[in-house]
Amino acid sequence: MDISCQPALGSTIFALRASWLSCRTRSALRRICFGPGPYEQPPADHGTILTALLTEGVAVAVEGVDFVGLRSEQFSEMVRLFRDVIGVPLTRETSGMAGFRLGDGTVLEVYGPTDEFHSFFTTGPVVGLRVGNFDAVRALMLSAGVAFIGAAQHASGMSWQHFRCPDGTVLELIGPGRDPAVISNEFR
């Protein structure tokens, strides 16, 4: 796979919320976009999603975190911690699930052992990464071989779907997207 990245493209990637990336990740991105520093070997192309995106000439930047999901055997204690101790507003609660809204609008959900729908949350906190175009980013990720979990979900113009990282970590992709059921109804 040929890596071609214009400095403007790299600048766009680093300008959009790069502060949440680790120093190591920022360095790797910088090397991919701008080449190695004077004392470094050229980076190997391991067919990463970023490499695929840059090769296609499309800059996909994660705009932020919209969701954090935690699964815990100590569900009641976790709810009390966030609601009563930390003071995060509880926005919804069902059997085995409590939803909170953080000050910046991020959704925090805690799942107990009775919540079967999120039983695949086994690798630690699940973070939902916000992108500007869910459908385009998902298509690029699928073409790069990323394994998605279940079907994409849609509500109020937003779409989201969980996926597995190469190390098995579960993350979520969130962004404006089109519900295929709505699209098919538009053409009837």
N, C-alpha and C. Protein backbone atom coordinates (compact mmCIF):
# COMPACT_ATOMS: atom_id res chain seq x y z
N MET A 1 0.85 -1.17 0.00
CA MET A 1 0.00 0.00 0.00
C MET A 1 0.89 1.24 0.00
N ASP A 2 0.66 2.14 -0.92
CA ASP A 2 1.47 3.34 -1.04
C ASP A 2 0.93 4.42 -0.11
N ILE A 3 1.80 5.01 0.69
CA ILE A 3 1.37 6.07 1.60
C ILE A 3 1.70 7.41 0.94
N SER A 4 0.66 8.18 0.65
CA SER A 4 0.89 9.53 0.15
C SER A 4 0.07 10.47 1.01
N CYS A 5 0.75 11.37 1.67
CA CYS A 5 0.07 12.26 2.61
C CYS A 5 0.64 13.66 2.44
N GLN A 6 -0.21 14.60 2.09
CA GLN A 6 0.21 15.99 1.95
C GLN A 6 0.30 16.61 3.34
N PRO A 7 1.22 17.56 3.55
CA PRO A 7 1.30 18.21 4.86
C PRO A 7 -0.02 18.81 5.31
N ALA A 8 -0.80 19.35 4.38
CA ALA A 8 -2.09 19.93 4.77
C ALA A 8 -3.00 18.87 5.38
N LEU A 9 -2.97 17.67 4.81
CA LEU A 9 -3.76 16.58 5.34
C LEU A 9 -3.30 16.23 6.75
N GLY A 10 -2.00 16.13 6.92
CA GLY A 10 -1.47 15.82 8.25
C GLY A 10 -1.81 16.90 9.25
N SER A 11 -1.73 18.16 8.83
CA SER A 11 -2.07 19.26 9.73
C SER A 11 -3.51 19.17 10.15
N THR A 12 -4.40 18.81 9.23
CA THR A 12 -5.81 18.67 9.56
C THR A 12 -5.99 17.61 10.63
N ILE A 13 -5.32 16.49 10.47
CA ILE A 13 -5.46 15.40 11.44
C ILE A 13 -4.99 15.87 12.82
N PHE A 14 -3.85 16.54 12.87
CA PHE A 14 -3.33 16.92 14.18
C PHE A 14 -4.06 18.11 14.78
N ALA A 15 -4.71 18.92 13.96
CA ALA A 15 -5.42 20.09 14.49
C ALA A 15 -6.72 19.68 15.17
N LEU A 16 -7.29 18.56 14.79
CA LEU A 16 -8.58 18.16 15.33
C LEU A 16 -8.44 17.26 16.55
N ARG A 17 -8.46 17.84 17.70
CA ARG A 17 -8.50 17.11 18.97
C ARG A 17 -7.36 16.12 19.16
N ALA A 18 -6.18 16.45 18.65
CA ALA A 18 -5.06 15.53 18.80
C ALA A 18 -4.57 15.47 20.24
N SER A 19 -5.00 16.39 21.09
CA SER A 19 -4.50 16.41 22.46
C SER A 19 -4.88 15.16 23.24
N TRP A 20 -5.96 14.46 22.85
CA TRP A 20 -6.34 13.26 23.60
C TRP A 20 -5.48 12.06 23.22
N LEU A 21 -4.75 12.16 22.10
CA LEU A 21 -3.89 11.07 21.69
C LEU A 21 -2.64 11.02 22.55
N SER A 22 -2.12 9.84 22.75
CA SER A 22 -0.88 9.73 23.51
C SER A 22 0.26 10.30 22.67
N CYS A 23 1.32 10.66 23.34
CA CYS A 23 2.51 11.19 22.66
C CYS A 23 3.02 10.18 21.64
N ARG A 24 2.99 8.91 22.01
CA ARG A 24 3.47 7.84 21.13
C ARG A 24 2.62 7.76 19.85
N THR A 25 1.29 7.87 20.01
CA THR A 25 0.39 7.82 18.86
C THR A 25 0.59 9.04 17.98
N ARG A 26 0.71 10.24 18.58
CA ARG A 26 0.95 11.45 17.78
C ARG A 26 2.25 11.31 17.00
N SER A 27 3.28 10.76 17.61
CA SER A 27 4.56 10.57 16.92
C SER A 27 4.40 9.62 15.74
N ALA A 28 3.65 8.53 15.95
CA ALA A 28 3.43 7.58 14.86
C ALA A 28 2.66 8.23 13.71
N LEU A 29 1.62 9.01 14.04
CA LEU A 29 0.86 9.71 13.01
C LEU A 29 1.74 10.70 12.25
N ARG A 30 2.56 11.42 13.00
CA ARG A 30 3.45 12.41 12.38
C ARG A 30 4.41 11.71 11.41
N ARG A 31 4.96 10.55 11.82
CA ARG A 31 5.88 9.81 10.95
C ARG A 31 5.18 9.32 9.69
N ILE A 32 3.92 8.84 9.86
CA ILE A 32 3.18 8.36 8.70
C ILE A 32 2.91 9.50 7.73
N CYS A 33 2.51 10.66 8.25
CA CYS A 33 2.14 11.77 7.38
C CYS A 33 3.35 12.52 6.81
N PHE A 34 4.36 12.70 7.60
CA PHE A 34 5.47 13.56 7.19
C PHE A 34 6.78 12.82 6.97
N GLY A 35 6.80 11.53 7.24
CA GLY A 35 8.02 10.77 7.07
C GLY A 35 8.83 10.75 8.35
N PRO A 36 9.89 9.96 8.38
CA PRO A 36 10.69 9.83 9.59
C PRO A 36 11.51 11.08 9.86
N GLY A 37 11.84 11.25 11.13
CA GLY A 37 12.73 12.35 11.50
C GLY A 37 14.13 12.04 11.01
N PRO A 38 15.08 12.97 11.20
CA PRO A 38 16.42 12.78 10.65
C PRO A 38 17.16 11.57 11.21
N TYR A 39 16.77 11.06 12.39
CA TYR A 39 17.48 9.95 12.99
C TYR A 39 16.62 8.68 13.06
N GLU A 40 15.53 8.62 12.29
CA GLU A 40 14.63 7.48 12.36
C GLU A 40 14.62 6.70 11.06
N GLN A 41 14.28 5.42 11.18
CA GLN A 41 14.07 4.59 10.01
C GLN A 41 12.67 4.87 9.47
N PRO A 42 12.43 4.73 8.17
CA PRO A 42 11.07 4.91 7.65
C PRO A 42 10.12 3.92 8.30
N PRO A 43 8.87 4.34 8.55
CA PRO A 43 7.92 3.44 9.21
C PRO A 43 7.49 2.31 8.29
N ALA A 44 7.27 1.15 8.87
CA ALA A 44 6.75 0.03 8.10
C ALA A 44 5.26 0.21 7.91
N ASP A 45 4.74 -0.20 6.77
CA ASP A 45 3.31 -0.12 6.53
C ASP A 45 2.70 -1.45 6.94
N HIS A 46 1.92 -1.41 8.01
CA HIS A 46 1.29 -2.63 8.51
C HIS A 46 -0.18 -2.70 8.11
N GLY A 47 -0.58 -1.91 7.10
CA GLY A 47 -1.95 -1.96 6.64
C GLY A 47 -2.93 -1.42 7.66
N THR A 48 -2.54 -0.39 8.41
CA THR A 48 -3.41 0.16 9.43
C THR A 48 -4.58 0.89 8.80
N ILE A 49 -5.61 1.12 9.59
CA ILE A 49 -6.76 1.89 9.11
C ILE A 49 -6.29 3.27 8.68
N LEU A 50 -5.44 3.90 9.50
CA LEU A 50 -4.95 5.22 9.16
C LEU A 50 -4.24 5.21 7.83
N THR A 51 -3.41 4.20 7.59
CA THR A 51 -2.70 4.09 6.32
C THR A 51 -3.70 3.98 5.18
N ALA A 52 -4.73 3.16 5.35
CA ALA A 52 -5.73 3.01 4.30
C ALA A 52 -6.44 4.33 4.04
N LEU A 53 -6.75 5.05 5.09
CA LEU A 53 -7.44 6.32 4.92
C LEU A 53 -6.55 7.33 4.22
N LEU A 54 -5.30 7.39 4.63
CA LEU A 54 -4.38 8.34 4.02
C LEU A 54 -4.11 7.98 2.56
N THR A 55 -4.03 6.70 2.27
CA THR A 55 -3.80 6.25 0.91
C THR A 55 -4.94 6.67 -0.01
N GLU A 56 -6.14 6.64 0.50
CA GLU A 56 -7.29 7.04 -0.29
C GLU A 56 -7.40 8.56 -0.38
N GLY A 57 -6.56 9.30 0.34
CA GLY A 57 -6.60 10.75 0.30
C GLY A 57 -7.73 11.34 1.11
N VAL A 58 -8.23 10.59 2.07
CA VAL A 58 -9.34 11.06 2.90
C VAL A 58 -8.82 11.22 4.32
N ALA A 59 -9.03 12.40 4.90
CA ALA A 59 -8.63 12.63 6.29
C ALA A 59 -9.83 12.35 7.18
N VAL A 60 -9.71 11.38 8.05
CA VAL A 60 -10.76 11.08 9.01
C VAL A 60 -10.19 11.36 10.37
N ALA A 61 -10.73 12.36 11.01
CA ALA A 61 -10.25 12.70 12.34
C ALA A 61 -11.33 12.40 13.34
N VAL A 62 -10.96 11.80 14.44
CA VAL A 62 -11.90 11.60 15.53
C VAL A 62 -12.12 12.97 16.15
N GLU A 63 -13.37 13.39 16.21
CA GLU A 63 -13.69 14.72 16.70
C GLU A 63 -13.81 14.79 18.22
N GLY A 64 -13.99 13.65 18.85
CA GLY A 64 -14.12 13.65 20.30
C GLY A 64 -14.65 12.32 20.79
N VAL A 65 -14.93 12.27 22.07
CA VAL A 65 -15.51 11.08 22.70
C VAL A 65 -16.95 11.42 23.03
N ASP A 66 -17.90 10.62 22.54
CA ASP A 66 -19.32 10.86 22.81
C ASP A 66 -19.90 9.87 23.80
N PHE A 67 -19.19 8.78 24.07
CA PHE A 67 -19.78 7.71 24.86
C PHE A 67 -18.69 6.96 25.62
N VAL A 68 -18.98 6.61 26.86
CA VAL A 68 -18.14 5.70 27.63
C VAL A 68 -19.08 4.70 28.31
N GLY A 69 -18.83 3.42 28.08
CA GLY A 69 -19.64 2.38 28.69
C GLY A 69 -18.81 1.51 29.61
N LEU A 70 -19.33 1.26 30.79
CA LEU A 70 -18.65 0.43 31.79
C LEU A 70 -19.55 -0.72 32.19
N ARG A 71 -19.01 -1.91 32.23
CA ARG A 71 -19.75 -3.08 32.71
C ARG A 71 -19.15 -3.46 34.05
N SER A 72 -20.01 -3.70 35.05
CA SER A 72 -19.50 -3.98 36.38
C SER A 72 -20.40 -4.95 37.12
N GLU A 73 -19.76 -5.83 37.86
CA GLU A 73 -20.49 -6.74 38.76
C GLU A 73 -21.04 -5.95 39.96
N GLN A 74 -20.44 -4.80 40.27
CA GLN A 74 -20.88 -3.96 41.38
C GLN A 74 -21.71 -2.79 40.84
N PHE A 75 -22.79 -3.13 40.14
CA PHE A 75 -23.62 -2.14 39.46
C PHE A 75 -24.14 -1.06 40.42
N SER A 76 -24.78 -1.46 41.50
CA SER A 76 -25.37 -0.49 42.44
C SER A 76 -24.32 0.44 43.02
N GLU A 77 -23.16 -0.11 43.35
CA GLU A 77 -22.09 0.71 43.91
C GLU A 77 -21.57 1.72 42.87
N MET A 78 -21.48 1.28 41.61
CA MET A 78 -21.03 2.18 40.55
C MET A 78 -22.03 3.32 40.34
N VAL A 79 -23.32 2.99 40.34
CA VAL A 79 -24.34 4.02 40.17
C VAL A 79 -24.26 5.03 41.31
N ARG A 80 -24.13 4.54 42.54
CA ARG A 80 -24.02 5.44 43.70
C ARG A 80 -22.77 6.32 43.58
N LEU A 81 -21.66 5.75 43.13
CA LEU A 81 -20.44 6.53 42.98
C LEU A 81 -20.66 7.71 42.03
N PHE A 82 -21.17 7.43 40.84
CA PHE A 82 -21.33 8.50 39.85
C PHE A 82 -22.45 9.47 40.24
N ARG A 83 -23.58 8.96 40.72
CA ARG A 83 -24.73 9.82 41.04
C ARG A 83 -24.55 10.57 42.35
N ASP A 84 -24.20 9.85 43.41
CA ASP A 84 -24.23 10.43 44.75
C ASP A 84 -22.91 11.04 45.19
N VAL A 85 -21.80 10.44 44.79
CA VAL A 85 -20.49 10.93 45.24
C VAL A 85 -19.93 11.96 44.27
N ILE A 86 -19.86 11.60 42.98
CA ILE A 86 -19.28 12.51 41.98
C ILE A 86 -20.31 13.55 41.53
N GLY A 87 -21.59 13.23 41.58
CA GLY A 87 -22.63 14.19 41.24
C GLY A 87 -22.98 14.28 39.76
N VAL A 88 -22.78 13.18 39.03
CA VAL A 88 -23.12 13.17 37.61
C VAL A 88 -24.63 12.95 37.49
N PRO A 89 -25.33 13.79 36.72
CA PRO A 89 -26.79 13.64 36.60
C PRO A 89 -27.19 12.31 35.95
N LEU A 90 -28.10 11.61 36.61
CA LEU A 90 -28.65 10.37 36.08
C LEU A 90 -29.74 10.74 35.07
N THR A 91 -29.62 10.27 33.83
CA THR A 91 -30.59 10.64 32.78
C THR A 91 -31.57 9.53 32.47
N ARG A 92 -31.20 8.30 32.71
CA ARG A 92 -32.13 7.18 32.51
C ARG A 92 -31.64 5.97 33.27
N GLU A 93 -32.59 5.14 33.68
CA GLU A 93 -32.24 3.94 34.43
C GLU A 93 -33.24 2.84 34.11
N THR A 94 -32.71 1.68 33.77
CA THR A 94 -33.54 0.50 33.56
C THR A 94 -32.92 -0.61 34.39
N SER A 95 -33.51 -1.75 34.35
CA SER A 95 -32.97 -2.88 35.09
C SER A 95 -31.59 -3.23 34.54
N GLY A 96 -30.56 -3.05 35.33
CA GLY A 96 -29.21 -3.41 34.93
C GLY A 96 -28.48 -2.36 34.11
N MET A 97 -29.04 -1.15 33.95
CA MET A 97 -28.37 -0.09 33.19
C MET A 97 -28.71 1.27 33.77
N ALA A 98 -27.68 2.10 33.90
CA ALA A 98 -27.87 3.49 34.33
C ALA A 98 -27.13 4.39 33.37
N GLY A 99 -27.81 5.43 32.90
CA GLY A 99 -27.20 6.37 31.96
C GLY A 99 -27.01 7.73 32.61
N PHE A 100 -25.85 8.32 32.37
CA PHE A 100 -25.50 9.63 32.92
C PHE A 100 -25.09 10.54 31.78
N ARG A 101 -25.19 11.86 31.98
CA ARG A 101 -24.72 12.81 30.99
C ARG A 101 -23.67 13.70 31.66
N LEU A 102 -22.44 13.66 31.13
CA LEU A 102 -21.36 14.48 31.68
C LEU A 102 -21.54 15.94 31.25
N GLY A 103 -20.80 16.83 31.86
CA GLY A 103 -20.92 18.26 31.60
C GLY A 103 -20.69 18.65 30.16
N ASP A 104 -19.87 17.92 29.43
CA ASP A 104 -19.61 18.25 28.02
C ASP A 104 -20.57 17.55 27.07
N GLY A 105 -21.56 16.83 27.61
CA GLY A 105 -22.53 16.14 26.78
C GLY A 105 -22.23 14.67 26.55
N THR A 106 -21.06 14.21 26.95
CA THR A 106 -20.70 12.80 26.78
C THR A 106 -21.65 11.92 27.58
N VAL A 107 -22.07 10.82 26.98
CA VAL A 107 -22.93 9.85 27.65
C VAL A 107 -22.05 8.83 28.37
N LEU A 108 -22.34 8.60 29.64
CA LEU A 108 -21.67 7.57 30.43
C LEU A 108 -22.74 6.56 30.82
N GLU A 109 -22.56 5.31 30.46
CA GLU A 109 -23.53 4.28 30.83
C GLU A 109 -22.82 3.18 31.60
N VAL A 110 -23.49 2.73 32.66
CA VAL A 110 -22.99 1.65 33.50
C VAL A 110 -23.95 0.48 33.34
N TYR A 111 -23.39 -0.70 33.06
CA TYR A 111 -24.18 -1.91 32.85
C TYR A 111 -23.86 -2.93 33.93
N GLY A 112 -24.89 -3.51 34.48
CA GLY A 112 -24.71 -4.55 35.49
C GLY A 112 -24.74 -5.93 34.85
N PRO A 113 -24.58 -6.95 35.66
CA PRO A 113 -24.53 -8.32 35.14
C PRO A 113 -25.85 -8.79 34.52
N THR A 114 -26.98 -8.13 34.82
CA THR A 114 -28.26 -8.54 34.23
C THR A 114 -28.48 -7.96 32.84
N ASP A 115 -27.65 -7.02 32.41
CA ASP A 115 -27.78 -6.42 31.08
C ASP A 115 -27.09 -7.32 30.07
N GLU A 116 -27.86 -8.10 29.34
CA GLU A 116 -27.29 -9.06 28.38
C GLU A 116 -26.90 -8.41 27.05
N PHE A 117 -27.56 -7.31 26.68
CA PHE A 117 -27.30 -6.68 25.39
C PHE A 117 -25.85 -6.23 25.28
N HIS A 118 -25.25 -5.79 26.38
CA HIS A 118 -23.86 -5.32 26.37
C HIS A 118 -22.90 -6.35 26.96
N SER A 119 -23.21 -7.60 26.83
CA SER A 119 -22.37 -8.66 27.41
C SER A 119 -20.99 -8.73 26.77
N PHE A 120 -20.82 -8.15 25.59
CA PHE A 120 -19.51 -8.16 24.92
C PHE A 120 -18.59 -7.07 25.46
N PHE A 121 -19.04 -6.26 26.40
CA PHE A 121 -18.18 -5.26 27.04
C PHE A 121 -17.29 -5.98 28.06
N THR A 122 -16.28 -6.66 27.57
CA THR A 122 -15.44 -7.49 28.45
C THR A 122 -13.98 -7.02 28.49
N THR A 123 -13.64 -6.00 27.71
CA THR A 123 -12.23 -5.61 27.60
C THR A 123 -11.91 -4.33 28.36
N GLY A 124 -12.82 -3.88 29.21
CA GLY A 124 -12.62 -2.64 29.93
C GLY A 124 -13.63 -1.61 29.47
N PRO A 125 -13.43 -0.35 29.81
CA PRO A 125 -14.37 0.68 29.36
C PRO A 125 -14.45 0.70 27.83
N VAL A 126 -15.65 0.90 27.32
CA VAL A 126 -15.86 1.01 25.88
C VAL A 126 -16.05 2.49 25.57
N VAL A 127 -15.20 3.01 24.70
CA VAL A 127 -15.22 4.43 24.35
C VAL A 127 -15.84 4.58 22.97
N GLY A 128 -16.77 5.53 22.84
CA GLY A 128 -17.40 5.84 21.56
C GLY A 128 -16.71 7.02 20.92
N LEU A 129 -16.10 6.81 19.77
CA LEU A 129 -15.37 7.85 19.07
C LEU A 129 -16.29 8.56 18.07
N ARG A 130 -16.41 9.89 18.21
CA ARG A 130 -17.28 10.68 17.35
C ARG A 130 -16.55 11.07 16.07
N VAL A 131 -17.21 10.83 14.93
CA VAL A 131 -16.67 11.21 13.62
C VAL A 131 -17.71 12.06 12.91
N GLY A 132 -17.29 12.75 11.86
CA GLY A 132 -18.19 13.64 11.14
C GLY A 132 -19.14 12.96 10.18
N ASN A 133 -18.81 11.75 9.71
CA ASN A 133 -19.66 11.03 8.76
C ASN A 133 -19.54 9.54 9.06
N PHE A 134 -20.49 9.03 9.82
CA PHE A 134 -20.48 7.63 10.23
C PHE A 134 -20.39 6.69 9.04
N ASP A 135 -21.25 6.90 8.03
CA ASP A 135 -21.33 5.97 6.91
C ASP A 135 -20.01 5.90 6.14
N ALA A 136 -19.38 7.04 5.89
CA ALA A 136 -18.12 7.05 5.14
C ALA A 136 -17.00 6.39 5.94
N VAL A 137 -16.90 6.72 7.21
CA VAL A 137 -15.84 6.14 8.04
C VAL A 137 -16.05 4.64 8.21
N ARG A 138 -17.29 4.23 8.44
CA ARG A 138 -17.58 2.80 8.59
C ARG A 138 -17.21 2.04 7.31
N ALA A 139 -17.54 2.60 6.16
CA ALA A 139 -17.21 1.95 4.88
C ALA A 139 -15.70 1.81 4.72
N LEU A 140 -14.96 2.84 5.09
CA LEU A 140 -13.49 2.76 5.01
C LEU A 140 -12.94 1.72 5.97
N MET A 141 -13.51 1.68 7.17
CA MET A 141 -13.05 0.71 8.16
C MET A 141 -13.36 -0.71 7.70
N LEU A 142 -14.55 -0.93 7.14
CA LEU A 142 -14.91 -2.26 6.63
C LEU A 142 -13.94 -2.67 5.51
N SER A 143 -13.61 -1.73 4.62
CA SER A 143 -12.70 -2.07 3.52
C SER A 143 -11.29 -2.36 4.04
N ALA A 144 -10.97 -1.85 5.22
CA ALA A 144 -9.67 -2.14 5.84
C ALA A 144 -9.70 -3.40 6.68
N GLY A 145 -10.87 -4.08 6.74
CA GLY A 145 -10.96 -5.34 7.45
C GLY A 145 -11.33 -5.24 8.91
N VAL A 146 -11.83 -4.10 9.37
CA VAL A 146 -12.23 -3.96 10.76
C VAL A 146 -13.49 -4.78 11.00
N ALA A 147 -13.52 -5.52 12.11
CA ALA A 147 -14.66 -6.37 12.47
C ALA A 147 -15.64 -5.58 13.33
N PHE A 148 -16.85 -5.36 12.81
CA PHE A 148 -17.89 -4.69 13.57
C PHE A 148 -18.73 -5.72 14.31
N ILE A 149 -19.36 -5.30 15.39
CA ILE A 149 -20.16 -6.18 16.24
C ILE A 149 -21.63 -5.83 16.04
N GLY A 150 -22.43 -6.80 15.66
CA GLY A 150 -23.86 -6.56 15.49
C GLY A 150 -24.13 -5.62 14.33
N ALA A 151 -25.35 -5.08 14.33
CA ALA A 151 -25.77 -4.17 13.27
C ALA A 151 -25.62 -2.73 13.75
N ALA A 152 -25.45 -1.83 12.79
CA ALA A 152 -25.41 -0.40 13.13
C ALA A 152 -26.77 0.00 13.68
N GLN A 153 -26.75 0.89 14.66
CA GLN A 153 -27.99 1.40 15.26
C GLN A 153 -28.16 2.85 14.84
N HIS A 154 -29.41 3.31 14.77
CA HIS A 154 -29.70 4.65 14.27
C HIS A 154 -30.80 5.29 15.11
N ALA A 155 -30.65 6.59 15.39
CA ALA A 155 -31.70 7.37 16.05
C ALA A 155 -31.40 8.84 15.85
N SER A 156 -32.41 9.59 15.48
CA SER A 156 -32.33 11.06 15.37
C SER A 156 -31.16 11.53 14.51
N GLY A 157 -30.92 10.86 13.41
CA GLY A 157 -29.87 11.27 12.49
C GLY A 157 -28.47 10.82 12.88
N MET A 158 -28.35 10.14 14.00
CA MET A 158 -27.04 9.64 14.45
C MET A 158 -27.01 8.12 14.26
N SER A 159 -25.80 7.62 14.00
CA SER A 159 -25.60 6.18 13.87
C SER A 159 -24.43 5.78 14.76
N TRP A 160 -24.44 4.55 15.23
CA TRP A 160 -23.34 4.04 16.03
C TRP A 160 -23.25 2.54 15.89
N GLN A 161 -22.03 2.04 16.05
CA GLN A 161 -21.79 0.60 15.99
C GLN A 161 -20.47 0.30 16.69
N HIS A 162 -20.46 -0.80 17.41
CA HIS A 162 -19.25 -1.24 18.10
C HIS A 162 -18.35 -2.00 17.13
N PHE A 163 -17.04 -1.95 17.41
CA PHE A 163 -16.08 -2.70 16.60
C PHE A 163 -14.95 -3.18 17.47
N ARG A 164 -14.20 -4.15 16.95
CA ARG A 164 -13.03 -4.68 17.68
C ARG A 164 -11.75 -4.13 17.08
N CYS A 165 -10.88 -3.69 17.95
CA CYS A 165 -9.55 -3.24 17.55
C CYS A 165 -8.69 -4.49 17.31
N PRO A 166 -7.52 -4.33 16.69
CA PRO A 166 -6.66 -5.50 16.44
C PRO A 166 -6.31 -6.29 17.70
N ASP A 167 -6.25 -5.62 18.87
CA ASP A 167 -5.92 -6.33 20.11
C ASP A 167 -7.15 -6.89 20.82
N GLY A 168 -8.35 -6.75 20.21
CA GLY A 168 -9.57 -7.27 20.81
C GLY A 168 -10.36 -6.24 21.60
N THR A 169 -9.78 -5.07 21.85
CA THR A 169 -10.49 -4.02 22.57
C THR A 169 -11.73 -3.63 21.80
N VAL A 170 -12.84 -3.46 22.52
CA VAL A 170 -14.09 -3.03 21.90
C VAL A 170 -14.19 -1.50 22.00
N LEU A 171 -14.46 -0.85 20.87
CA LEU A 171 -14.72 0.58 20.81
C LEU A 171 -16.01 0.78 20.03
N GLU A 172 -16.45 2.02 19.94
CA GLU A 172 -17.68 2.33 19.22
C GLU A 172 -17.42 3.51 18.30
N LEU A 173 -18.02 3.47 17.13
CA LEU A 173 -17.97 4.56 16.16
C LEU A 173 -19.32 5.25 16.21
N ILE A 174 -19.34 6.60 16.36
CA ILE A 174 -20.58 7.37 16.47
C ILE A 174 -20.49 8.58 15.55
N GLY A 175 -21.57 8.87 14.87
CA GLY A 175 -21.60 10.08 14.07
C GLY A 175 -22.87 10.21 13.27
N PRO A 176 -23.04 11.35 12.62
CA PRO A 176 -24.20 11.52 11.76
C PRO A 176 -24.19 10.44 10.68
N GLY A 177 -25.33 9.76 10.52
CA GLY A 177 -25.42 8.69 9.54
C GLY A 177 -26.85 8.50 9.11
N ARG A 178 -27.02 7.73 8.07
CA ARG A 178 -28.36 7.49 7.52
C ARG A 178 -28.82 6.09 7.87
N ASP A 179 -30.04 6.01 8.35
CA ASP A 179 -30.67 4.73 8.66
C ASP A 179 -31.14 4.11 7.35
N PRO A 180 -30.64 2.91 7.00
CA PRO A 180 -31.05 2.29 5.73
C PRO A 180 -32.56 2.11 5.60
N ALA A 181 -33.27 1.91 6.70
CA ALA A 181 -34.73 1.76 6.65
C ALA A 181 -35.37 3.07 6.20
N VAL A 182 -34.83 4.19 6.65
CA VAL A 182 -35.36 5.49 6.25
C VAL A 182 -35.04 5.76 4.79
N ILE A 183 -33.83 5.41 4.36
CA ILE A 183 -33.42 5.62 2.98
C ILE A 183 -34.31 4.82 2.04
N SER A 184 -34.57 3.55 2.36
CA SER A 184 -35.38 2.72 1.47
C SER A 184 -36.83 3.22 1.41
N ASN A 185 -37.34 3.80 2.50
CA ASN A 185 -38.69 4.34 2.51
C ASN A 185 -38.80 5.63 1.69
N GLU A 186 -37.70 6.38 1.56
CA GLU A 186 -37.71 7.62 0.79
C GLU A 186 -37.96 7.36 -0.68
N PHE A 187 -37.59 6.19 -1.17
CA PHE A 187 -37.68 5.90 -2.60
C PHE A 187 -38.90 5.04 -2.96
N ARG A 188 -39.83 4.87 -2.06
CA ARG A 188 -41.04 4.07 -2.33
C ARG A 188 -42.10 4.92 -2.94
